[in-house]
Amino acid sequence: MGQYITTGELSSRIKYDARYIRNCLLDSVFIEGVHYIRPFGRRKILFIWEAIEGEMHKASNDEIPIIPLRAGGAIHG
C-alpha cells in the first residue's frame, strides 16, 4: 500500500489550503477508497500520497495539446 498522510501534510505538499482540500477537493477530485481512506470508520482522513501524486500527473498530462497528423498518429505540442 502507499504512504498515508494527513490533510495538513497534503496541504504542505501540494500548496493548497487544508480547508480548500476538505471543502472543495474532497469527493470531487479526491475519491474515498482511491485517494483517501477513513481508518476504522472514523472521521479522521488519511490521504494515499501515491494516488494523489498520480492524479496530479495524469491531470497535467491531459492538458498537453495533441496535434493529429495526416498520415495517422499524433504529436504532443
PDB file of N, CA and C in Angstrom:
ATOM      1  N   MET A   1       0.847  -1.183   0.000  1.00  0.00           N
ATOM      2  CA  MET A   1       0.000   0.000   0.000  1.00  0.00           C
ATOM      3  C   MET A   1       0.884   1.235   0.000  1.00  0.00           C
ATOM      4  N   GLY A   2       0.283   2.387  -0.104  1.00  0.00           N
ATOM      5  CA  GLY A   2       1.033   3.633  -0.225  1.00  0.00           C
ATOM      6  C   GLY A   2       1.306   4.303   1.111  1.00  0.00           C
ATOM      7  N   GLN A   3       1.899   5.460   1.012  1.00  0.00           N
ATOM      8  CA  GLN A   3       2.200   6.258   2.194  1.00  0.00           C
ATOM      9  C   GLN A   3       0.965   7.076   2.557  1.00  0.00           C
ATOM     10  N   TYR A   4       0.526   6.984   3.799  1.00  0.00           N
ATOM     11  CA  TYR A   4      -0.644   7.724   4.268  1.00  0.00           C
ATOM     12  C   TYR A   4      -0.206   9.043   4.880  1.00  0.00           C
ATOM     13  N   ILE A   5      -0.888  10.137   4.489  1.00  0.00           N
ATOM     14  CA  ILE A   5      -0.563  11.451   5.033  1.00  0.00           C
ATOM     15  C   ILE A   5      -1.848  12.153   5.464  1.00  0.00           C
ATOM     16  N   THR A   6      -1.707  13.078   6.392  1.00  0.00           N
ATOM     17  CA  THR A   6      -2.863  13.828   6.897  1.00  0.00           C
ATOM     18  C   THR A   6      -3.202  14.975   5.944  1.00  0.00           C
ATOM     19  N   THR A   7      -4.327  15.624   6.194  1.00  0.00           N
ATOM     20  CA  THR A   7      -4.730  16.776   5.384  1.00  0.00           C
ATOM     21  C   THR A   7      -3.687  17.886   5.484  1.00  0.00           C
ATOM     22  N   GLY A   8      -3.148  18.125   6.669  1.00  0.00           N
ATOM     23  CA  GLY A   8      -2.116  19.144   6.844  1.00  0.00           C
ATOM     24  C   GLY A   8      -0.859  18.840   6.051  1.00  0.00           C
ATOM     25  N   GLU A   9      -0.444  17.580   6.061  1.00  0.00           N
ATOM     26  CA  GLU A   9       0.738  17.181   5.294  1.00  0.00           C
ATOM     27  C   GLU A   9       0.487  17.313   3.799  1.00  0.00           C
ATOM     28  N   LEU A  10      -0.713  16.921   3.352  1.00  0.00           N
ATOM     29  CA  LEU A  10      -1.069  17.068   1.947  1.00  0.00           C
ATOM     30  C   LEU A  10      -1.073  18.541   1.546  1.00  0.00           C
ATOM     31  N   SER A  11      -1.614  19.375   2.423  1.00  0.00           N
ATOM     32  CA  SER A  11      -1.649  20.810   2.185  1.00  0.00           C
ATOM     33  C   SER A  11      -0.244  21.360   1.952  1.00  0.00           C
ATOM     34  N   SER A  12       0.702  20.936   2.746  1.00  0.00           N
ATOM     35  CA  SER A  12       2.087  21.381   2.591  1.00  0.00           C
ATOM     36  C   SER A  12       2.706  20.887   1.289  1.00  0.00           C
ATOM     37  N   ARG A  13       2.377  19.674   0.915  1.00  0.00           N
ATOM     38  CA  ARG A  13       2.987  19.090  -0.287  1.00  0.00           C
ATOM     39  C   ARG A  13       2.452  19.689  -1.574  1.00  0.00           C
ATOM     40  N   ILE A  14       1.129  19.936  -1.650  1.00  0.00           N
ATOM     41  CA  ILE A  14       0.554  20.407  -2.908  1.00  0.00           C
ATOM     42  C   ILE A  14       0.266  21.905  -2.889  1.00  0.00           C
ATOM     43  N   LYS A  15       0.558  22.567  -1.786  1.00  0.00           N
ATOM     44  CA  LYS A  15       0.428  24.022  -1.656  1.00  0.00           C
ATOM     45  C   LYS A  15      -1.010  24.515  -1.838  1.00  0.00           C
ATOM     46  N   TYR A  16      -1.954  23.754  -1.299  1.00  0.00           N
ATOM     47  CA  TYR A  16      -3.355  24.164  -1.214  1.00  0.00           C
ATOM     48  C   TYR A  16      -3.718  24.242   0.263  1.00  0.00           C
ATOM     49  N   ASP A  17      -4.565  25.185   0.619  1.00  0.00           N
ATOM     50  CA  ASP A  17      -5.025  25.318   1.993  1.00  0.00           C
ATOM     51  C   ASP A  17      -5.794  24.066   2.409  1.00  0.00           C
ATOM     52  N   ALA A  18      -5.612  23.633   3.640  1.00  0.00           N
ATOM     53  CA  ALA A  18      -6.279  22.426   4.145  1.00  0.00           C
ATOM     54  C   ALA A  18      -7.798  22.559   4.060  1.00  0.00           C
ATOM     55  N   ARG A  19      -8.321  23.756   4.323  1.00  0.00           N
ATOM     56  CA  ARG A  19      -9.781  23.956   4.217  1.00  0.00           C
ATOM     57  C   ARG A  19     -10.267  23.773   2.795  1.00  0.00           C
ATOM     58  N   TYR A  20      -9.483  24.245   1.814  1.00  0.00           N
ATOM     59  CA  TYR A  20      -9.851  24.075   0.409  1.00  0.00           C
ATOM     60  C   TYR A  20      -9.855  22.596   0.038  1.00  0.00           C
ATOM     61  N   ILE A  21      -8.888  21.862   0.537  1.00  0.00           N
ATOM     62  CA  ILE A  21      -8.838  20.420   0.276  1.00  0.00           C
ATOM     63  C   ILE A  21     -10.097  19.757   0.822  1.00  0.00           C
ATOM     64  N   ARG A  22     -10.445  20.067   2.081  1.00  0.00           N
ATOM     65  CA  ARG A  22     -11.620  19.439   2.709  1.00  0.00           C
ATOM     66  C   ARG A  22     -12.928  19.892   2.061  1.00  0.00           C
ATOM     67  N   ASN A  23     -13.049  21.172   1.745  1.00  0.00           N
ATOM     68  CA  ASN A  23     -14.323  21.712   1.268  1.00  0.00           C
ATOM     69  C   ASN A  23     -14.545  21.583  -0.230  1.00  0.00           C
ATOM     70  N   CYS A  24     -13.484  21.622  -1.018  1.00  0.00           N
ATOM     71  CA  CYS A  24     -13.657  21.654  -2.477  1.00  0.00           C
ATOM     72  C   CYS A  24     -13.142  20.411  -3.212  1.00  0.00           C
ATOM     73  N   LEU A  25     -12.045  19.859  -2.762  1.00  0.00           N
ATOM     74  CA  LEU A  25     -11.441  18.741  -3.491  1.00  0.00           C
ATOM     75  C   LEU A  25     -11.940  17.378  -3.027  1.00  0.00           C
ATOM     76  N   LEU A  26     -12.314  17.285  -1.756  1.00  0.00           N
ATOM     77  CA  LEU A  26     -12.772  16.017  -1.202  1.00  0.00           C
ATOM     78  C   LEU A  26     -14.081  15.609  -1.872  1.00  0.00           C
ATOM     79  N   ASP A  27     -14.114  14.402  -2.387  1.00  0.00           N
ATOM     80  CA  ASP A  27     -15.271  13.804  -3.047  1.00  0.00           C
ATOM     81  C   ASP A  27     -15.614  14.415  -4.403  1.00  0.00           C
ATOM     82  N   SER A  28     -14.815  15.370  -4.892  1.00  0.00           N
ATOM     83  CA  SER A  28     -14.984  15.815  -6.274  1.00  0.00           C
ATOM     84  C   SER A  28     -13.741  15.425  -7.073  1.00  0.00           C
ATOM     85  N   VAL A  29     -12.570  15.705  -6.532  1.00  0.00           N
ATOM     86  CA  VAL A  29     -11.313  15.311  -7.162  1.00  0.00           C
ATOM     87  C   VAL A  29     -10.740  14.085  -6.454  1.00  0.00           C
ATOM     88  N   PHE A  30     -10.742  14.128  -5.142  1.00  0.00           N
ATOM     89  CA  PHE A  30     -10.233  13.027  -4.344  1.00  0.00           C
ATOM     90  C   PHE A  30     -11.386  12.130  -3.920  1.00  0.00           C
ATOM     91  N   ILE A  31     -11.325  10.877  -4.313  1.00  0.00           N
ATOM     92  CA  ILE A  31     -12.408   9.919  -4.087  1.00  0.00           C
ATOM     93  C   ILE A  31     -12.032   8.968  -2.947  1.00  0.00           C
ATOM     94  N   GLU A  32     -12.994   8.769  -2.030  1.00  0.00           N
ATOM     95  CA  GLU A  32     -12.765   7.852  -0.917  1.00  0.00           C
ATOM     96  C   GLU A  32     -12.519   6.444  -1.442  1.00  0.00           C
ATOM     97  N   GLY A  33     -11.521   5.791  -0.895  1.00  0.00           N
ATOM     98  CA  GLY A  33     -11.155   4.450  -1.317  1.00  0.00           C
ATOM     99  C   GLY A  33     -10.125   4.439  -2.437  1.00  0.00           C
ATOM    100  N   VAL A  34      -9.983   5.566  -3.133  1.00  0.00           N
ATOM    101  CA  VAL A  34      -8.982   5.691  -4.193  1.00  0.00           C
ATOM    102  C   VAL A  34      -7.864   6.617  -3.748  1.00  0.00           C
ATOM    103  N   HIS A  35      -8.249   7.824  -3.327  1.00  0.00           N
ATOM    104  CA  HIS A  35      -7.274   8.843  -2.940  1.00  0.00           C
ATOM    105  C   HIS A  35      -7.153   9.019  -1.425  1.00  0.00           C
ATOM    106  N   TYR A  36      -8.164   8.592  -0.694  1.00  0.00           N
ATOM    107  CA  TYR A  36      -8.103   8.715   0.764  1.00  0.00           C
ATOM    108  C   TYR A  36      -8.946   7.636   1.416  1.00  0.00           C
ATOM    109  N   ILE A  37      -8.669   7.420   2.697  1.00  0.00           N
ATOM    110  CA  ILE A  37      -9.430   6.455   3.489  1.00  0.00           C
ATOM    111  C   ILE A  37      -9.813   7.104   4.815  1.00  0.00           C
ATOM    112  N   ARG A  38     -10.788   6.500   5.455  1.00  0.00           N
ATOM    113  CA  ARG A  38     -11.169   6.867   6.820  1.00  0.00           C
ATOM    114  C   ARG A  38     -10.894   5.633   7.680  1.00  0.00           C
ATOM    115  N   PRO A  39      -9.708   5.593   8.308  1.00  0.00           N
ATOM    116  CA  PRO A  39      -9.347   4.392   9.068  1.00  0.00           C
ATOM    117  C   PRO A  39     -10.337   4.086  10.187  1.00  0.00           C
ATOM    118  N   PHE A  40     -10.653   2.843  10.300  1.00  0.00           N
ATOM    119  CA  PHE A  40     -11.525   2.340  11.362  1.00  0.00           C
ATOM    120  C   PHE A  40     -12.915   2.985  11.320  1.00  0.00           C
ATOM    121  N   GLY A  41     -13.330   3.504  10.154  1.00  0.00           N
ATOM    122  CA  GLY A  41     -14.657   4.095  10.008  1.00  0.00           C
ATOM    123  C   GLY A  41     -14.849   5.389  10.774  1.00  0.00           C
ATOM    124  N   ARG A  42     -13.779   6.054  11.122  1.00  0.00           N
ATOM    125  CA  ARG A  42     -13.842   7.288  11.915  1.00  0.00           C
ATOM    126  C   ARG A  42     -13.837   8.522  11.024  1.00  0.00           C
ATOM    127  N   ARG A  43     -13.844   9.693  11.646  1.00  0.00           N
ATOM    128  CA  ARG A  43     -13.851  10.962  10.929  1.00  0.00           C
ATOM    129  C   ARG A  43     -12.493  11.323  10.343  1.00  0.00           C
ATOM    130  N   LYS A  44     -11.435  10.838  10.959  1.00  0.00           N
ATOM    131  CA  LYS A  44     -10.073  11.161  10.509  1.00  0.00           C
ATOM    132  C   LYS A  44      -9.886  10.697   9.068  1.00  0.00           C
ATOM    133  N   ILE A  45      -9.251  11.553   8.263  1.00  0.00           N
ATOM    134  CA  ILE A  45      -8.991  11.230   6.863  1.00  0.00           C
ATOM    135  C   ILE A  45      -7.487  11.087   6.673  1.00  0.00           C
ATOM    136  N   LEU A  46      -7.087  10.022   6.008  1.00  0.00           N
ATOM    137  CA  LEU A  46      -5.702   9.835   5.616  1.00  0.00           C
ATOM    138  C   LEU A  46      -5.646   9.714   4.096  1.00  0.00           C
ATOM    139  N   PHE A  47      -4.806  10.532   3.495  1.00  0.00           N
ATOM    140  CA  PHE A  47      -4.668  10.529   2.042  1.00  0.00           C
ATOM    141  C   PHE A  47      -3.587   9.551   1.631  1.00  0.00           C
ATOM    142  N   ILE A  48      -3.751   8.937   0.470  1.00  0.00           N
ATOM    143  CA  ILE A  48      -2.787   7.999  -0.090  1.00  0.00           C
ATOM    144  C   ILE A  48      -1.934   8.799  -1.066  1.00  0.00           C
ATOM    145  N   TRP A  49      -0.717   9.130  -0.635  1.00  0.00           N
ATOM    146  CA  TRP A  49       0.121  10.055  -1.383  1.00  0.00           C
ATOM    147  C   TRP A  49       0.359   9.600  -2.825  1.00  0.00           C
ATOM    148  N   GLU A  50       0.649   8.338  -3.063  1.00  0.00           N
ATOM    149  CA  GLU A  50       0.929   7.859  -4.408  1.00  0.00           C
ATOM    150  C   GLU A  50      -0.272   8.063  -5.332  1.00  0.00           C
ATOM    151  N   ALA A  51      -1.486   7.880  -4.823  1.00  0.00           N
ATOM    152  CA  ALA A  51      -2.691   8.082  -5.634  1.00  0.00           C
ATOM    153  C   ALA A  51      -2.885   9.564  -5.955  1.00  0.00           C
ATOM    154  N   ILE A  52      -2.624  10.429  -4.985  1.00  0.00           N
ATOM    155  CA  ILE A  52      -2.738  11.880  -5.198  1.00  0.00           C
ATOM    156  C   ILE A  52      -1.706  12.320  -6.231  1.00  0.00           C
ATOM    157  N   GLU A  53      -0.471  11.867  -6.062  1.00  0.00           N
ATOM    158  CA  GLU A  53       0.597  12.242  -6.980  1.00  0.00           C
ATOM    159  C   GLU A  53       0.289  11.757  -8.401  1.00  0.00           C
ATOM    160  N   GLY A  54      -0.208  10.541  -8.517  1.00  0.00           N
ATOM    161  CA  GLY A  54      -0.590  10.011  -9.827  1.00  0.00           C
ATOM    162  C   GLY A  54      -1.702  10.822 -10.465  1.00  0.00           C
ATOM    163  N   GLU A  55      -2.678  11.237  -9.670  1.00  0.00           N
ATOM    164  CA  GLU A  55      -3.785  12.049 -10.174  1.00  0.00           C
ATOM    165  C   GLU A  55      -3.288  13.402 -10.677  1.00  0.00           C
ATOM    166  N   MET A  56      -2.345  13.997  -9.966  1.00  0.00           N
ATOM    167  CA  MET A  56      -1.802  15.288 -10.398  1.00  0.00           C
ATOM    168  C   MET A  56      -1.050  15.142 -11.719  1.00  0.00           C
ATOM    169  N   HIS A  57      -0.267  14.083 -11.866  1.00  0.00           N
ATOM    170  CA  HIS A  57       0.470  13.860 -13.114  1.00  0.00           C
ATOM    171  C   HIS A  57      -0.487  13.564 -14.259  1.00  0.00           C
ATOM    172  N   LYS A  58      -1.504  12.783 -13.988  1.00  0.00           N
ATOM    173  CA  LYS A  58      -2.493  12.446 -15.013  1.00  0.00           C
ATOM    174  C   LYS A  58      -3.195  13.701 -15.501  1.00  0.00           C
ATOM    175  N   ALA A  59      -3.639  14.537 -14.589  1.00  0.00           N
ATOM    176  CA  ALA A  59      -4.323  15.773 -14.964  1.00  0.00           C
ATOM    177  C   ALA A  59      -3.388  16.685 -15.736  1.00  0.00           C
ATOM    178  N   SER A  60      -2.129  16.722 -15.357  1.00  0.00           N
ATOM    179  CA  SER A  60      -1.146  17.557 -16.049  1.00  0.00           C
ATOM    180  C   SER A  60      -0.938  17.057 -17.473  1.00  0.00           C
ATOM    181  N   ASN A  61      -0.848  15.748 -17.654  1.00  0.00           N
ATOM    182  CA  ASN A  61      -0.655  15.171 -18.991  1.00  0.00           C
ATOM    183  C   ASN A  61      -1.879  15.337 -19.866  1.00  0.00           C
ATOM    184  N   ASP A  62      -3.073  15.354 -19.284  1.00  0.00           N
ATOM    185  CA  ASP A  62      -4.304  15.524 -20.051  1.00  0.00           C
ATOM    186  C   ASP A  62      -4.382  16.905 -20.686  1.00  0.00           C
ATOM    187  N   GLU A  63      -3.664  17.883 -20.154  1.00  0.00           N
ATOM    188  CA  GLU A  63      -3.724  19.241 -20.661  1.00  0.00           C
ATOM    189  C   GLU A  63      -2.732  19.501 -21.785  1.00  0.00           C
ATOM    190  N   ILE A  64      -1.853  18.550 -22.097  1.00  0.00           N
ATOM    191  CA  ILE A  64      -0.892  18.731 -23.183  1.00  0.00           C
ATOM    192  C   ILE A  64      -1.643  18.622 -24.504  1.00  0.00           C
ATOM    193  N   PRO A  65      -1.537  19.650 -25.372  1.00  0.00           N
ATOM    194  CA  PRO A  65      -2.269  19.591 -26.636  1.00  0.00           C
ATOM    195  C   PRO A  65      -1.732  18.493 -27.553  1.00  0.00           C
ATOM    196  N   ILE A  66      -2.622  17.858 -28.266  1.00  0.00           N
ATOM    197  CA  ILE A  66      -2.269  16.797 -29.200  1.00  0.00           C
ATOM    198  C   ILE A  66      -2.585  17.288 -30.601  1.00  0.00           C
ATOM    199  N   ILE A  67      -1.606  17.179 -31.507  1.00  0.00           N
ATOM    200  CA  ILE A  67      -1.786  17.620 -32.888  1.00  0.00           C
ATOM    201  C   ILE A  67      -1.852  16.374 -33.759  1.00  0.00           C
ATOM    202  N   PRO A  68      -3.029  16.132 -34.385  1.00  0.00           N
ATOM    203  CA  PRO A  68      -3.153  14.947 -35.242  1.00  0.00           C
ATOM    204  C   PRO A  68      -2.341  15.123 -36.534  1.00  0.00           C
ATOM    205  N   LEU A  69      -1.788  14.029 -37.026  1.00  0.00           N
ATOM    206  CA  LEU A  69      -1.027  14.038 -38.271  1.00  0.00           C
ATOM    207  C   LEU A  69      -1.842  13.417 -39.394  1.00  0.00           C
ATOM    208  N   ARG A  70      -1.641  13.911 -40.607  1.00  0.00           N
ATOM    209  CA  ARG A  70      -2.422  13.442 -41.765  1.00  0.00           C
ATOM    210  C   ARG A  70      -2.247  11.939 -41.995  1.00  0.00           C
ATOM    211  N   ALA A  71      -1.043  11.442 -41.841  1.00  0.00           N
ATOM    212  CA  ALA A  71      -0.767  10.028 -42.089  1.00  0.00           C
ATOM    213  C   ALA A  71      -1.161   9.138 -40.913  1.00  0.00           C
ATOM    214  N   GLY A  72      -1.777   9.723 -39.911  1.00  0.00           N
ATOM    215  CA  GLY A  72      -2.130   8.974 -38.716  1.00  0.00           C
ATOM    216  C   GLY A  72      -1.156   9.291 -37.610  1.00  0.00           C
ATOM    217  N   GLY A  73      -1.493   8.933 -36.416  1.00  0.00           N
ATOM    218  CA  GLY A  73      -0.650   9.261 -35.277  1.00  0.00           C
ATOM    219  C   GLY A  73      -0.869  10.692 -34.816  1.00  0.00           C
ATOM    220  N   ALA A  74      -0.049  11.113 -33.898  1.00  0.00           N
ATOM    221  CA  ALA A  74      -0.185  12.459 -33.352  1.00  0.00           C
ATOM    222  C   ALA A  74       1.128  12.863 -32.703  1.00  0.00           C
ATOM    223  N   ILE A  75       1.289  14.177 -32.545  1.00  0.00           N
ATOM    224  CA  ILE A  75       2.428  14.688 -31.802  1.00  0.00           C
ATOM    225  C   ILE A  75       1.888  15.538 -30.668  1.00  0.00           C
ATOM    226  N   HIS A  76       2.664  15.616 -29.620  1.00  0.00           N
ATOM    227  CA  HIS A  76       2.269  16.434 -28.472  1.00  0.00           C
ATOM    228  C   HIS A  76       2.916  17.800 -28.640  1.00  0.00           C
ATOM    229  N   GLY A  77       2.061  18.848 -28.647  1.00  0.00           N
ATOM    230  CA  GLY A  77       2.567  20.197 -28.917  1.00  0.00           C
ATOM    231  C   GLY A  77       2.898  20.976 -27.749  1.00  0.00           C
TER     232      GLY A  77
END
